[in-house]
Amino acid sequence: MKNFKTWVSKGFMLAEILLAIFILGLTSVSAFYMISASGRETANAYHQLISEQIGQEIIEVFRTIGFNRLSECHDQQIAGYRLNEWQALSDASQSQLITRPAICAAFERKITMQLLEKDGINAILLNVAVRPQRGGQGSAVESNYSTILVEQP
């Protein structure tokens, strides 16, 4: 009995080893979960950034075109951009000869314009909705970007 106590005091008991494995396992699982969550959030932020750039592209192009030209053809296709319908970015790129990152092909957008008039001031409300195509990006949702283009005197 004396030899057993000496041997046990010099080594690890099975319970201690199991406890150490359990603690190491919990730490490893939580570390892998944090790495996975970080990767998902990074991907979501990247998709949101791409969505914002896709929406901002239209706003900048239509600002350049100007109120007068837009008010003449607000129900048609403007500079290769179709209005009032969802359009895949891959289709838009081919017709406009615009080069975009490959990830943009996973999104589609809808451009709507509404003529406004108040107290003799004319304007156009431009709205761009951007969403992932069906079966596209996991948790990305539809985003809307708007601006008002005012008639210049």
Protein backbone atom coordinates (compact mmCIF):
# COMPACT_ATOMS: atom_id res chain seq x y z
CA MET A 1 0.00 0.00 0.00
CA LYS A 2 2.87 2.30 0.76
CA ASN A 3 4.36 1.75 -2.73
CA PHE A 4 1.01 2.57 -4.36
CA LYS A 5 0.77 5.91 -2.55
CA THR A 6 4.32 6.77 -3.61
CA TRP A 7 3.59 5.87 -7.23
CA VAL A 8 0.34 7.90 -7.27
CA SER A 9 2.01 10.97 -5.79
CA LYS A 10 4.72 10.92 -8.49
CA GLY A 11 2.36 10.64 -11.49
CA PHE A 12 -1.03 11.79 -12.75
CA MET A 13 -4.27 10.09 -11.89
CA LEU A 14 -6.76 9.15 -14.60
CA ALA A 15 -9.22 11.77 -13.32
CA GLU A 16 -6.62 14.53 -13.68
CA ILE A 17 -5.78 13.45 -17.22
CA LEU A 18 -9.46 13.36 -18.20
CA LEU A 19 -10.03 16.78 -16.68
CA ALA A 20 -7.07 18.22 -18.62
CA ILE A 21 -8.37 16.69 -21.88
CA PHE A 22 -11.84 18.11 -21.21
CA ILE A 23 -10.50 21.62 -20.56
CA LEU A 24 -8.26 21.45 -23.64
CA GLY A 25 -11.25 20.29 -25.73
CA LEU A 26 -13.47 23.14 -24.52
CA THR A 27 -10.76 25.68 -25.25
CA SER A 28 -10.14 24.27 -28.72
CA VAL A 29 -13.84 24.19 -29.63
CA SER A 30 -14.37 27.78 -28.49
CA ALA A 31 -11.28 28.96 -30.42
CA PHE A 32 -12.47 27.23 -33.60
CA TYR A 33 -15.95 28.71 -33.14
CA MET A 34 -14.52 32.23 -32.80
CA ILE A 35 -12.38 31.76 -35.93
CA SER A 36 -15.40 30.48 -37.86
CA ALA A 37 -17.64 33.34 -36.67
CA SER A 38 -14.93 35.85 -37.57
CA GLY A 39 -14.71 34.42 -41.09
CA ARG A 40 -18.50 34.59 -41.53
CA GLU A 41 -18.65 38.20 -40.34
CA THR A 42 -15.78 39.17 -42.62
CA ALA A 43 -17.60 37.62 -45.60
CA ASN A 44 -20.83 39.42 -44.65
CA ALA A 45 -19.02 42.75 -44.38
CA TYR A 46 -17.39 42.16 -47.79
CA HIS A 47 -20.76 41.38 -49.40
CA GLN A 48 -22.27 44.51 -47.81
CA LEU A 49 -19.40 46.60 -49.20
CA ILE A 50 -19.92 45.16 -52.70
CA SER A 51 -23.66 45.85 -52.40
CA GLU A 52 -22.99 49.48 -51.46
CA GLN A 53 -20.60 49.93 -54.38
CA ILE A 54 -23.15 48.46 -56.81
CA GLY A 55 -25.81 50.88 -55.54
CA GLN A 56 -23.47 53.86 -55.50
CA GLU A 57 -22.39 53.19 -59.11
CA ILE A 58 -25.90 53.94 -60.38
CA ILE A 59 -26.27 57.03 -58.23
CA GLU A 60 -23.00 58.47 -59.55
CA VAL A 61 -23.81 57.64 -63.20
CA PHE A 62 -27.29 59.17 -62.96
CA ARG A 63 -25.94 62.30 -61.23
CA THR A 64 -23.56 62.70 -64.15
CA ILE A 65 -26.41 62.31 -66.65
CA GLY A 66 -28.32 65.06 -64.85
CA PHE A 67 -31.90 65.92 -64.06
CA ASN A 68 -32.87 67.28 -67.51
CA ARG A 69 -31.87 64.15 -69.43
CA LEU A 70 -33.30 61.80 -66.80
CA SER A 71 -36.65 63.61 -66.66
CA GLU A 72 -37.07 63.12 -70.43
CA CYS A 73 -36.77 59.35 -70.27
CA HIS A 74 -37.67 58.29 -66.74
CA ASP A 75 -39.65 55.20 -67.84
CA GLN A 76 -37.11 53.79 -70.29
CA GLN A 77 -33.66 52.35 -70.38
CA ILE A 78 -31.00 54.93 -69.58
CA ALA A 79 -27.38 54.50 -70.65
CA GLY A 80 -27.86 50.73 -70.78
CA TYR A 81 -29.47 50.58 -67.32
CA ARG A 82 -32.99 49.13 -67.35
CA LEU A 83 -35.49 50.72 -65.01
CA ASN A 84 -38.19 49.16 -62.82
CA GLU A 85 -36.99 45.56 -63.15
CA TRP A 86 -34.46 43.34 -61.45
CA GLN A 87 -31.34 43.02 -63.57
CA ALA A 88 -28.42 40.69 -62.92
CA LEU A 89 -25.08 42.50 -62.77
CA SER A 90 -23.50 39.98 -65.14
CA ASP A 91 -26.07 40.97 -67.80
CA ALA A 92 -25.47 44.67 -67.16
CA SER A 93 -21.71 44.31 -67.41
CA GLN A 94 -21.90 42.65 -70.82
CA SER A 95 -24.16 45.32 -72.31
CA GLN A 96 -22.22 48.27 -70.80
CA LEU A 97 -18.68 46.91 -71.18
CA ILE A 98 -18.00 47.61 -67.50
CA THR A 99 -15.46 45.51 -65.66
CA ARG A 100 -16.42 44.61 -62.08
CA PRO A 101 -15.08 42.12 -59.54
CA ALA A 102 -16.37 38.59 -60.16
CA ILE A 103 -18.38 38.63 -56.90
CA CYS A 104 -20.68 41.29 -58.42
CA ALA A 105 -22.21 38.65 -60.69
CA ALA A 106 -23.85 37.15 -57.58
CA PHE A 107 -25.99 40.30 -57.14
CA GLU A 108 -28.87 41.91 -58.98
CA ARG A 109 -30.34 45.39 -58.74
CA LYS A 110 -33.51 47.31 -59.48
CA ILE A 111 -33.46 51.00 -60.38
CA THR A 112 -36.58 53.12 -59.90
CA MET A 113 -37.11 56.82 -60.50
CA GLN A 114 -39.99 59.00 -59.35
CA LEU A 115 -40.58 62.54 -60.54
CA LEU A 116 -41.24 64.97 -57.69
CA GLU A 117 -42.57 68.55 -57.70
CA LYS A 118 -43.17 70.86 -54.79
CA ASP A 119 -43.54 74.63 -54.79
CA GLY A 120 -42.21 74.87 -58.34
CA ILE A 121 -39.09 72.83 -57.59
CA ASN A 122 -38.70 69.72 -59.72
CA ALA A 123 -36.67 66.72 -58.64
CA ILE A 124 -36.22 63.02 -59.22
CA LEU A 125 -36.13 60.48 -56.42
CA LEU A 126 -33.70 57.77 -57.49
CA ASN A 127 -33.82 54.46 -55.62
CA VAL A 128 -31.46 51.53 -56.20
CA ALA A 129 -32.26 48.19 -54.55
CA VAL A 130 -29.47 45.60 -54.50
CA ARG A 131 -29.89 41.97 -53.44
CA PRO A 132 -28.11 38.66 -53.91
CA GLN A 133 -29.49 36.54 -56.72
CA ARG A 134 -31.51 33.52 -55.68
CA GLY A 135 -29.16 30.83 -54.41
CA GLY A 136 -26.45 33.48 -54.01
CA GLN A 137 -24.76 34.85 -50.92
CA GLY A 138 -25.84 33.22 -47.65
CA SER A 139 -26.93 35.90 -45.20
CA ALA A 140 -26.81 38.94 -47.48
CA VAL A 141 -30.10 40.84 -47.61
CA GLU A 142 -31.62 43.45 -49.89
CA SER A 143 -30.17 46.93 -49.48
CA ASN A 144 -31.66 50.21 -50.72
CA TYR A 145 -29.80 53.37 -51.68
CA SER A 146 -31.54 56.64 -52.57
CA THR A 147 -30.77 60.15 -53.66
CA ILE A 148 -32.69 63.16 -54.91
CA LEU A 149 -31.61 64.89 -58.10
CA VAL A 150 -32.88 68.48 -58.23
CA GLU A 151 -33.45 70.49 -61.40
CA GLN A 152 -30.78 73.17 -61.72
CA PRO A 153 -31.96 76.67 -62.76
